[in-house]
């Protein structure tokens, strides 16, 4: 392997770098130490889940990666550039789909596309981008429907399509399926597996669902209890892709990974969930 390839592989293996990150929230009366000494490297194209009890700072860490909040100390890098605020290179999908109710599915996506690419592309190109995003999540038939006319699962698909339409380098997801029923959740998990395979996206997702984490992830980052939470363990999930839900149900390796996460959460980190994530 030549030096150029070695350098590229080294960069790709540290596509996202979190170094010595601390997060303290200060108010007039008190301060809350949310995260301490967070170190994490995420490879390009890797799917990483953040899991832990409520109050362990999962969403806080995701917001730091999104640039929605600024770390008290430490450094966060994406593609060797410091994360200093929100950017189209990091698309965000929330538990609440956050769609504008007066716009159609297409228009919700088009609005984001126009904001990012409007200065450099004509209208036909913007429309094509928006339609391609709808096609990616299999929602072309719902193009003209408004949010109140579609199911919760379909709304989340539109949210994912909107995030992907701006071609982010990283897709950040904060419990995107948490509010859905079990069947809709399973269907969207399967859809996300297909989407990530097609786009080769780098994904960081917050979840409380152990099975979801094992099914989707290349790496599961387990956080200790808050306050002053840190990374307690990182589990590499070496299950081959593409992954099929029914096949994995009888896979001994899947059961082992699941048991390791459960053991961390409910034996080594067990406590009543009193605080807010």
C-alpha atoms as a PDB file:
ATOM      1  CA  UNK A   1       0.000   0.000   0.000  1.00  0.00           C
ATOM      2  CA  UNK A   2       1.448   3.384  -0.981  1.00  0.00           C
ATOM      3  CA  UNK A   3       1.659   6.442   1.268  1.00  0.00           C
ATOM      4  CA  UNK A   4      -1.305   8.173  -0.388  1.00  0.00           C
ATOM      5  CA  UNK A   5      -3.615   5.218   0.303  1.00  0.00           C
ATOM      6  CA  UNK A   6      -2.284   4.903   3.850  1.00  0.00           C
ATOM      7  CA  UNK A   7      -3.004   8.577   4.530  1.00  0.00           C
ATOM      8  CA  UNK A   8      -6.500   8.269   3.041  1.00  0.00           C
ATOM      9  CA  UNK A   9      -7.287   5.206   5.150  1.00  0.00           C
ATOM     10  CA  UNK A  10      -6.054   6.979   8.268  1.00  0.00           C
ATOM     11  CA  UNK A  11      -8.306   9.978   7.530  1.00  0.00           C
ATOM     12  CA  UNK A  12     -11.293   7.749   6.777  1.00  0.00           C
ATOM     13  CA  UNK A  13     -10.843   5.829  10.044  1.00  0.00           C
ATOM     14  CA  UNK A  14     -10.999   9.137  11.964  1.00  0.00           C
ATOM     15  CA  UNK A  15     -13.648  10.868   9.888  1.00  0.00           C
ATOM     16  CA  UNK A  16     -15.257  12.171  13.074  1.00  0.00           C
ATOM     17  CA  UNK A  17     -12.999  12.843  16.051  1.00  0.00           C
ATOM     18  CA  UNK A  18     -14.147  13.766  19.536  1.00  0.00           C
ATOM     19  CA  UNK A  19     -11.238  14.699  21.796  1.00  0.00           C
ATOM     20  CA  UNK A  20     -11.332  15.481  25.548  1.00  0.00           C
ATOM     21  CA  UNK A  21     -14.899  16.834  25.316  1.00  0.00           C
ATOM     22  CA  UNK A  22     -16.570  18.182  28.452  1.00  0.00           C
ATOM     23  CA  UNK A  23     -20.057  19.699  28.645  1.00  0.00           C
ATOM     24  CA  UNK A  24     -21.235  21.754  31.604  1.00  0.00           C
ATOM     25  CA  UNK A  25     -24.561  23.599  31.561  1.00  0.00           C
ATOM     26  CA  UNK A  26     -24.531  26.709  33.750  1.00  0.00           C
ATOM     27  CA  UNK A  27     -27.521  28.562  35.176  1.00  0.00           C
ATOM     28  CA  UNK A  28     -27.727  31.422  37.673  1.00  0.00           C
ATOM     29  CA  UNK A  29     -28.352  29.030  40.538  1.00  0.00           C
ATOM     30  CA  UNK A  30     -26.239  25.992  39.667  1.00  0.00           C
ATOM     31  CA  UNK A  31     -24.296  24.056  37.058  1.00  0.00           C
ATOM     32  CA  UNK A  32     -24.812  20.587  35.616  1.00  0.00           C
ATOM     33  CA  UNK A  33     -21.870  18.495  34.427  1.00  0.00           C
ATOM     34  CA  UNK A  34     -23.445  16.517  31.556  1.00  0.00           C
ATOM     35  CA  UNK A  35     -20.428  14.933  29.822  1.00  0.00           C
ATOM     36  CA  UNK A  36     -16.826  14.379  30.883  1.00  0.00           C
ATOM     37  CA  UNK A  37     -13.695  13.373  29.006  1.00  0.00           C
ATOM     38  CA  UNK A  38     -15.390  12.046  25.869  1.00  0.00           C
ATOM     39  CA  UNK A  39     -13.021  10.458  23.334  1.00  0.00           C
ATOM     40  CA  UNK A  40     -14.418   8.830  20.193  1.00  0.00           C
ATOM     41  CA  UNK A  41     -13.361   8.219  16.584  1.00  0.00           C
ATOM     42  CA  UNK A  42     -15.907   7.311  13.899  1.00  0.00           C
ATOM     43  CA  UNK A  43     -14.864   5.974  10.498  1.00  0.00           C
ATOM     44  CA  UNK A  44     -16.262   7.217   7.213  1.00  0.00           C
ATOM     45  CA  UNK A  45     -19.352   5.215   6.285  1.00  0.00           C
ATOM     46  CA  UNK A  46     -19.706   3.772   9.780  1.00  0.00           C
ATOM     47  CA  UNK A  47     -23.065   3.434  11.570  1.00  0.00           C
ATOM     48  CA  UNK A  48     -22.688   4.267  15.263  1.00  0.00           C
ATOM     49  CA  UNK A  49     -25.376   4.069  17.948  1.00  0.00           C
ATOM     50  CA  UNK A  50     -25.223   5.956  21.245  1.00  0.00           C
ATOM     51  CA  UNK A  51     -27.023   4.112  24.021  1.00  0.00           C
ATOM     52  CA  UNK A  52     -27.431   4.537  27.764  1.00  0.00           C
ATOM     53  CA  UNK A  53     -29.924   5.358  30.503  1.00  0.00           C
ATOM     54  CA  UNK A  54     -31.899   8.599  30.504  1.00  0.00           C
ATOM     55  CA  UNK A  55     -29.757  11.499  31.637  1.00  0.00           C
ATOM     56  CA  UNK A  56     -26.481  10.064  30.313  1.00  0.00           C
ATOM     57  CA  UNK A  57     -26.026  12.822  27.731  1.00  0.00           C
ATOM     58  CA  UNK A  58     -26.735  10.933  24.490  1.00  0.00           C
ATOM     59  CA  UNK A  59     -28.729  13.775  22.956  1.00  0.00           C
ATOM     60  CA  UNK A  60     -26.251  16.315  24.317  1.00  0.00           C
ATOM     61  CA  UNK A  61     -23.415  14.556  22.495  1.00  0.00           C
ATOM     62  CA  UNK A  62     -25.475  14.407  19.296  1.00  0.00           C
ATOM     63  CA  UNK A  63     -26.244  18.134  19.556  1.00  0.00           C
ATOM     64  CA  UNK A  64     -22.521  18.833  19.920  1.00  0.00           C
ATOM     65  CA  UNK A  65     -21.872  16.872  16.702  1.00  0.00           C
ATOM     66  CA  UNK A  66     -24.646  18.826  14.987  1.00  0.00           C
ATOM     67  CA  UNK A  67     -23.106  22.111  16.117  1.00  0.00           C
ATOM     68  CA  UNK A  68     -26.341  23.078  17.902  1.00  0.00           C
ATOM     69  CA  UNK A  69     -24.418  23.524  21.161  1.00  0.00           C
ATOM     70  CA  UNK A  70     -20.752  24.208  21.903  1.00  0.00           C
ATOM     71  CA  UNK A  71     -18.623  22.061  24.185  1.00  0.00           C
ATOM     72  CA  UNK A  72     -17.351  23.622  27.395  1.00  0.00           C
ATOM     73  CA  UNK A  73     -13.930  22.230  26.490  1.00  0.00           C
ATOM     74  CA  UNK A  74     -12.389  19.801  24.039  1.00  0.00           C
ATOM     75  CA  UNK A  75     -12.531  19.475  20.256  1.00  0.00           C
ATOM     76  CA  UNK A  76     -14.955  17.952  17.758  1.00  0.00           C
ATOM     77  CA  UNK A  77     -13.785  17.432  14.168  1.00  0.00           C
ATOM     78  CA  UNK A  78     -15.548  16.264  11.013  1.00  0.00           C
ATOM     79  CA  UNK A  79     -13.442  15.561   7.926  1.00  0.00           C
ATOM     80  CA  UNK A  80     -10.521  17.196   9.762  1.00  0.00           C
ATOM     81  CA  UNK A  81     -12.457  20.459  10.236  1.00  0.00           C
ATOM     82  CA  UNK A  82     -13.641  21.760  13.590  1.00  0.00           C
ATOM     83  CA  UNK A  83     -17.379  21.603  14.231  1.00  0.00           C
ATOM     84  CA  UNK A  84     -18.138  25.220  15.094  1.00  0.00           C
ATOM     85  CA  UNK A  85     -21.871  25.401  14.375  1.00  0.00           C
ATOM     86  CA  UNK A  86     -24.679  23.884  12.288  1.00  0.00           C
ATOM     87  CA  UNK A  87     -23.796  22.952   8.708  1.00  0.00           C
ATOM     88  CA  UNK A  88     -25.462  21.206   5.735  1.00  0.00           C
ATOM     89  CA  UNK A  89     -22.625  18.678   5.894  1.00  0.00           C
ATOM     90  CA  UNK A  90     -24.353  17.281   9.014  1.00  0.00           C
ATOM     91  CA  UNK A  91     -28.019  16.448   8.473  1.00  0.00           C
ATOM     92  CA  UNK A  92     -30.250  16.023  11.538  1.00  0.00           C
ATOM     93  CA  UNK A  93     -33.331  13.826  12.014  1.00  0.00           C
ATOM     94  CA  UNK A  94     -35.290  14.335  15.233  1.00  0.00           C
ATOM     95  CA  UNK A  95     -37.778  12.093  17.034  1.00  0.00           C
ATOM     96  CA  UNK A  96     -40.394  14.665  16.106  1.00  0.00           C
ATOM     97  CA  UNK A  97     -40.344  14.836  12.304  1.00  0.00           C
ATOM     98  CA  UNK A  98     -40.536  18.691  12.407  1.00  0.00           C
ATOM     99  CA  UNK A  99     -42.359  18.937   9.070  1.00  0.00           C
ATOM    100  CA  UNK A 100     -44.118  22.171   8.160  1.00  0.00           C
ATOM    101  CA  UNK A 101     -47.825  21.221   8.226  1.00  0.00           C
ATOM    102  CA  UNK A 102     -48.896  23.592   5.434  1.00  0.00           C
ATOM    103  CA  UNK A 103     -46.398  22.138   2.940  1.00  0.00           C
ATOM    104  CA  UNK A 104     -46.627  18.866   1.019  1.00  0.00           C
ATOM    105  CA  UNK A 105     -44.078  16.088   1.443  1.00  0.00           C
ATOM    106  CA  UNK A 106     -42.309  17.295  -1.701  1.00  0.00           C
ATOM    107  CA  UNK A 107     -42.377  20.936  -0.598  1.00  0.00           C
ATOM    108  CA  UNK A 108     -40.911  20.118   2.839  1.00  0.00           C
ATOM    109  CA  UNK A 109     -37.945  18.512   1.101  1.00  0.00           C
ATOM    110  CA  UNK A 110     -37.684  21.144  -1.634  1.00  0.00           C
ATOM    111  CA  UNK A 111     -37.461  23.925   0.975  1.00  0.00           C
ATOM    112  CA  UNK A 112     -34.291  22.392   2.443  1.00  0.00           C
ATOM    113  CA  UNK A 113     -32.809  21.653  -0.979  1.00  0.00           C
ATOM    114  CA  UNK A 114     -33.422  25.203  -2.191  1.00  0.00           C
ATOM    115  CA  UNK A 115     -31.772  26.662   0.894  1.00  0.00           C
ATOM    116  CA  UNK A 116     -28.592  24.614   0.393  1.00  0.00           C
ATOM    117  CA  UNK A 117     -28.312  24.462  -3.415  1.00  0.00           C
ATOM    118  CA  UNK A 118     -30.478  27.373  -4.584  1.00  0.00           C
ATOM    119  CA  UNK A 119     -27.543  29.683  -5.275  1.00  0.00           C
ATOM    120  CA  UNK A 120     -25.758  27.210  -7.568  1.00  0.00           C
ATOM    121  CA  UNK A 121     -28.493  25.128  -9.242  1.00  0.00           C
ATOM    122  CA  UNK A 122     -31.561  25.927 -11.340  1.00  0.00           C
ATOM    123  CA  UNK A 123     -35.119  25.005 -10.367  1.00  0.00           C
ATOM    124  CA  UNK A 124     -35.216  21.844 -12.487  1.00  0.00           C
ATOM    125  CA  UNK A 125     -32.143  20.505 -10.698  1.00  0.00           C
ATOM    126  CA  UNK A 126     -33.611  21.353  -7.298  1.00  0.00           C
ATOM    127  CA  UNK A 127     -36.840  19.539  -8.185  1.00  0.00           C
ATOM    128  CA  UNK A 128     -34.865  16.511  -9.354  1.00  0.00           C
ATOM    129  CA  UNK A 129     -32.922  16.385  -6.085  1.00  0.00           C
ATOM    130  CA  UNK A 130     -36.157  16.545  -4.094  1.00  0.00           C
ATOM    131  CA  UNK A 131     -37.827  13.811  -6.126  1.00  0.00           C
ATOM    132  CA  UNK A 132     -34.767  11.573  -5.859  1.00  0.00           C
ATOM    133  CA  UNK A 133     -34.893  11.927  -2.070  1.00  0.00           C
ATOM    134  CA  UNK A 134     -38.580  10.958  -2.041  1.00  0.00           C
ATOM    135  CA  UNK A 135     -37.808   7.957  -4.237  1.00  0.00           C
ATOM    136  CA  UNK A 136     -35.013   6.880  -1.887  1.00  0.00           C
ATOM    137  CA  UNK A 137     -37.530   6.459   0.957  1.00  0.00           C
ATOM    138  CA  UNK A 138     -40.241   5.036  -1.352  1.00  0.00           C
ATOM    139  CA  UNK A 139     -42.601   7.992  -0.953  1.00  0.00           C
ATOM    140  CA  UNK A 140     -43.180   9.182  -4.522  1.00  0.00           C
ATOM    141  CA  UNK A 141     -46.924   8.334  -4.276  1.00  0.00           C
ATOM    142  CA  UNK A 142     -47.189  10.708  -1.279  1.00  0.00           C
ATOM    143  CA  UNK A 143     -45.461  13.587  -3.071  1.00  0.00           C
ATOM    144  CA  UNK A 144     -48.468  15.975  -2.864  1.00  0.00           C
ATOM    145  CA  UNK A 145     -49.797  14.913   0.532  1.00  0.00           C
ATOM    146  CA  UNK A 146     -49.457  17.091   3.601  1.00  0.00           C
ATOM    147  CA  UNK A 147     -48.218  15.756   6.957  1.00  0.00           C
ATOM    148  CA  UNK A 148     -51.727  15.329   8.427  1.00  0.00           C
ATOM    149  CA  UNK A 149     -52.611  13.024   5.519  1.00  0.00           C
ATOM    150  CA  UNK A 150     -49.852  10.463   6.117  1.00  0.00           C
ATOM    151  CA  UNK A 151     -48.858   8.065   8.913  1.00  0.00           C
ATOM    152  CA  UNK A 152     -46.230   8.669  11.587  1.00  0.00           C
ATOM    153  CA  UNK A 153     -43.846   6.297   9.864  1.00  0.00           C
ATOM    154  CA  UNK A 154     -44.260   8.110   6.558  1.00  0.00           C
ATOM    155  CA  UNK A 155     -43.602  11.450   8.267  1.00  0.00           C
ATOM    156  CA  UNK A 156     -40.324  10.082   9.592  1.00  0.00           C
ATOM    157  CA  UNK A 157     -39.446   8.897   6.069  1.00  0.00           C
ATOM    158  CA  UNK A 158     -39.984  12.458   4.825  1.00  0.00           C
ATOM    159  CA  UNK A 159     -37.733  13.732   7.630  1.00  0.00           C
ATOM    160  CA  UNK A 160     -35.018  11.282   6.621  1.00  0.00           C
ATOM    161  CA  UNK A 161     -35.467  12.185   2.937  1.00  0.00           C
ATOM    162  CA  UNK A 162     -35.174  15.891   3.753  1.00  0.00           C
ATOM    163  CA  UNK A 163     -31.932  15.289   5.667  1.00  0.00           C
ATOM    164  CA  UNK A 164     -30.466  13.137   2.872  1.00  0.00           C
ATOM    165  CA  UNK A 165     -31.545  15.513   0.096  1.00  0.00           C
ATOM    166  CA  UNK A 166     -28.931  18.083   1.105  1.00  0.00           C
ATOM    167  CA  UNK A 167     -26.238  15.394   0.701  1.00  0.00           C
ATOM    168  CA  UNK A 168     -24.793  15.589   4.217  1.00  0.00           C
ATOM    169  CA  UNK A 169     -21.477  13.974   4.998  1.00  0.00           C
ATOM    170  CA  UNK A 170     -22.965  12.774   8.274  1.00  0.00           C
ATOM    171  CA  UNK A 171     -26.541  11.816   9.185  1.00  0.00           C
ATOM    172  CA  UNK A 172     -27.374  12.485  12.854  1.00  0.00           C
ATOM    173  CA  UNK A 173     -30.517  10.846  14.254  1.00  0.00           C
ATOM    174  CA  UNK A 174     -32.032  11.468  17.694  1.00  0.00           C
ATOM    175  CA  UNK A 175     -34.291   8.493  18.473  1.00  0.00           C
ATOM    176  CA  UNK A 176     -35.945   8.838  15.058  1.00  0.00           C
ATOM    177  CA  UNK A 177     -38.294   5.877  15.576  1.00  0.00           C
ATOM    178  CA  UNK A 178     -38.996   6.304  19.299  1.00  0.00           C
ATOM    179  CA  UNK A 179     -42.571   7.536  18.899  1.00  0.00           C
ATOM    180  CA  UNK A 180     -43.656   4.824  16.440  1.00  0.00           C
ATOM    181  CA  UNK A 181     -45.519   1.580  17.017  1.00  0.00           C
ATOM    182  CA  UNK A 182     -43.480  -1.634  16.888  1.00  0.00           C
ATOM    183  CA  UNK A 183     -44.400  -2.596  13.318  1.00  0.00           C
ATOM    184  CA  UNK A 184     -43.764   0.884  11.872  1.00  0.00           C
ATOM    185  CA  UNK A 185     -40.477   1.015  13.775  1.00  0.00           C
ATOM    186  CA  UNK A 186     -39.356  -2.337  12.348  1.00  0.00           C
ATOM    187  CA  UNK A 187     -40.307  -1.295   8.806  1.00  0.00           C
ATOM    188  CA  UNK A 188     -38.351   1.960   9.106  1.00  0.00           C
ATOM    189  CA  UNK A 189     -35.327   0.194  10.571  1.00  0.00           C
ATOM    190  CA  UNK A 190     -35.299  -2.103   7.546  1.00  0.00           C
ATOM    191  CA  UNK A 191     -35.718   0.896   5.241  1.00  0.00           C
ATOM    192  CA  UNK A 192     -32.820   2.674   6.960  1.00  0.00           C
ATOM    193  CA  UNK A 193     -30.587  -0.361   6.411  1.00  0.00           C
ATOM    194  CA  UNK A 194     -31.341  -0.143   2.677  1.00  0.00           C
ATOM    195  CA  UNK A 195     -30.847   3.629   2.533  1.00  0.00           C
ATOM    196  CA  UNK A 196     -27.487   3.516   4.311  1.00  0.00           C
ATOM    197  CA  UNK A 197     -26.334   0.708   2.010  1.00  0.00           C
ATOM    198  CA  UNK A 198     -27.220   2.836  -1.037  1.00  0.00           C
ATOM    199  CA  UNK A 199     -25.826   6.150   0.207  1.00  0.00           C
ATOM    200  CA  UNK A 200     -22.819   4.848   2.186  1.00  0.00           C
ATOM    201  CA  UNK A 201     -23.663   7.534   4.752  1.00  0.00           C
ATOM    202  CA  UNK A 202     -21.846   8.011   8.032  1.00  0.00           C
ATOM    203  CA  UNK A 203     -24.568   7.774  10.685  1.00  0.00           C
ATOM    204  CA  UNK A 204     -24.664   8.578  14.402  1.00  0.00           C
ATOM    205  CA  UNK A 205     -27.935   7.623  16.083  1.00  0.00           C
ATOM    206  CA  UNK A 206     -29.246   7.977  19.627  1.00  0.00           C
ATOM    207  CA  UNK A 207     -31.420   5.064  20.735  1.00  0.00           C
ATOM    208  CA  UNK A 208     -32.813   3.389  23.854  1.00  0.00           C
ATOM    209  CA  UNK A 209     -33.564   0.190  21.921  1.00  0.00           C
ATOM    210  CA  UNK A 210     -30.938  -2.538  22.313  1.00  0.00           C
ATOM    211  CA  UNK A 211     -32.230  -4.633  19.406  1.00  0.00           C
ATOM    212  CA  UNK A 212     -32.285  -1.568  17.155  1.00  0.00           C
ATOM    213  CA  UNK A 213     -28.688  -0.749  18.066  1.00  0.00           C
ATOM    214  CA  UNK A 214     -27.444  -4.264  17.304  1.00  0.00           C
ATOM    215  CA  UNK A 215     -29.444  -4.573  14.082  1.00  0.00           C
ATOM    216  CA  UNK A 216     -28.278  -1.284  12.580  1.00  0.00           C
ATOM    217  CA  UNK A 217     -24.845  -0.541  13.983  1.00  0.00           C
ATOM    218  CA  UNK A 218     -21.223  -1.178  13.184  1.00  0.00           C
ATOM    219  CA  UNK A 219     -20.320   0.231  16.592  1.00  0.00           C
ATOM    220  CA  UNK A 220     -22.359   0.703  19.774  1.00  0.00           C
ATOM    221  CA  UNK A 221     -21.117   3.407  22.143  1.00  0.00           C
ATOM    222  CA  UNK A 222     -22.390   2.776  25.684  1.00  0.00           C
ATOM    223  CA  UNK A 223     -22.465   5.775  28.011  1.00  0.00           C
ATOM    224  CA  UNK A 224     -22.222   5.637  31.793  1.00  0.00           C
ATOM    225  CA  UNK A 225     -24.892   7.161  33.996  1.00  0.00           C
ATOM    226  CA  UNK A 226     -25.060  10.914  34.389  1.00  0.00           C
ATOM    227  CA  UNK A 227     -24.223  13.382  35.686  1.00  0.00           C
ATOM    228  CA  UNK A 228     -20.672  13.673  34.323  1.00  0.00           C
ATOM    229  CA  UNK A 229     -21.332  10.746  31.974  1.00  0.00           C
ATOM    230  CA  UNK A 230     -18.551   9.323  29.844  1.00  0.00           C
ATOM    231  CA  UNK A 231     -18.054   6.418  27.451  1.00  0.00           C
ATOM    232  CA  UNK A 232     -18.109   3.206  29.458  1.00  0.00           C
ATOM    233  CA  UNK A 233     -17.624   0.714  26.633  1.00  0.00           C
ATOM    234  CA  UNK A 234     -17.552   0.528  22.846  1.00  0.00           C
ATOM    235  CA  UNK A 235     -18.846  -2.626  21.185  1.00  0.00           C
ATOM    236  CA  UNK A 236     -17.822  -3.437  17.596  1.00  0.00           C
ATOM    237  CA  UNK A 237     -20.698  -5.272  15.887  1.00  0.00           C
ATOM    238  CA  UNK A 238     -19.126  -7.606  13.371  1.00  0.00           C
ATOM    239  CA  UNK A 239     -22.291  -8.886  11.712  1.00  0.00           C
ATOM    240  CA  UNK A 240     -22.088  -9.131   7.908  1.00  0.00           C
ATOM    241  CA  UNK A 241     -24.081  -6.783   5.692  1.00  0.00           C
ATOM    242  CA  UNK A 242     -26.640  -6.744   4.207  1.00  0.00           C
ATOM    243  CA  UNK A 243     -28.477  -7.667   7.388  1.00  0.00           C
ATOM    244  CA  UNK A 244     -31.804  -9.481   7.417  1.00  0.00           C
ATOM    245  CA  UNK A 245     -33.929  -9.217  10.548  1.00  0.00           C
ATOM    246  CA  UNK A 246     -35.314 -12.772  10.437  1.00  0.00           C
ATOM    247  CA  UNK A 247     -31.912 -14.345   9.798  1.00  0.00           C
ATOM    248  CA  UNK A 248     -30.315 -12.458  12.683  1.00  0.00           C
ATOM    249  CA  UNK A 249     -33.035 -13.591  15.086  1.00  0.00           C
ATOM    250  CA  UNK A 250     -31.418 -17.054  15.063  1.00  0.00           C
ATOM    251  CA  UNK A 251     -27.807 -15.866  14.837  1.00  0.00           C
ATOM    252  CA  UNK A 252     -25.750 -16.688  17.951  1.00  0.00           C
ATOM    253  CA  UNK A 253     -23.507 -13.655  17.360  1.00  0.00           C
ATOM    254  CA  UNK A 254     -26.531 -11.324  17.391  1.00  0.00           C
ATOM    255  CA  UNK A 255     -27.606 -12.795  20.734  1.00  0.00           C
ATOM    256  CA  UNK A 256     -24.091 -12.330  22.153  1.00  0.00           C
ATOM    257  CA  UNK A 257     -23.927  -8.660  21.138  1.00  0.00           C
ATOM    258  CA  UNK A 258     -27.402  -8.079  22.554  1.00  0.00           C
ATOM    259  CA  UNK A 259     -26.421  -9.728  25.854  1.00  0.00           C
ATOM    260  CA  UNK A 260     -23.276  -7.578  26.138  1.00  0.00           C
ATOM    261  CA  UNK A 261     -25.284  -4.361  25.794  1.00  0.00           C
ATOM    262  CA  UNK A 262     -27.955  -5.545  28.215  1.00  0.00           C
ATOM    263  CA  UNK A 263     -25.303  -6.571  30.737  1.00  0.00           C
ATOM    264  CA  UNK A 264     -23.721  -3.105  30.556  1.00  0.00           C
ATOM    265  CA  UNK A 265     -27.040  -1.271  30.891  1.00  0.00           C
ATOM    266  CA  UNK A 266     -28.828  -3.372  33.482  1.00  0.00           C
ATOM    267  CA  UNK A 267     -26.038  -4.796  35.609  1.00  0.00           C
ATOM    268  CA  UNK A 268     -23.086  -2.433  35.418  1.00  0.00           C
ATOM    269  CA  UNK A 269     -25.132   0.765  34.934  1.00  0.00           C
ATOM    270  CA  UNK A 270     -28.496  -0.105  36.460  1.00  0.00           C
ATOM    271  CA  UNK A 271     -30.359   2.690  38.232  1.00  0.00           C
ATOM    272  CA  UNK A 272     -33.834   4.227  38.282  1.00  0.00           C
ATOM    273  CA  UNK A 273     -34.308   6.524  35.297  1.00  0.00           C
ATOM    274  CA  UNK A 274     -34.941   9.783  37.133  1.00  0.00           C
ATOM    275  CA  UNK A 275     -33.438  12.380  34.825  1.00  0.00           C
ATOM    276  CA  UNK A 276     -34.005  13.563  31.298  1.00  0.00           C
ATOM    277  CA  UNK A 277     -31.799  12.455  28.367  1.00  0.00           C
END
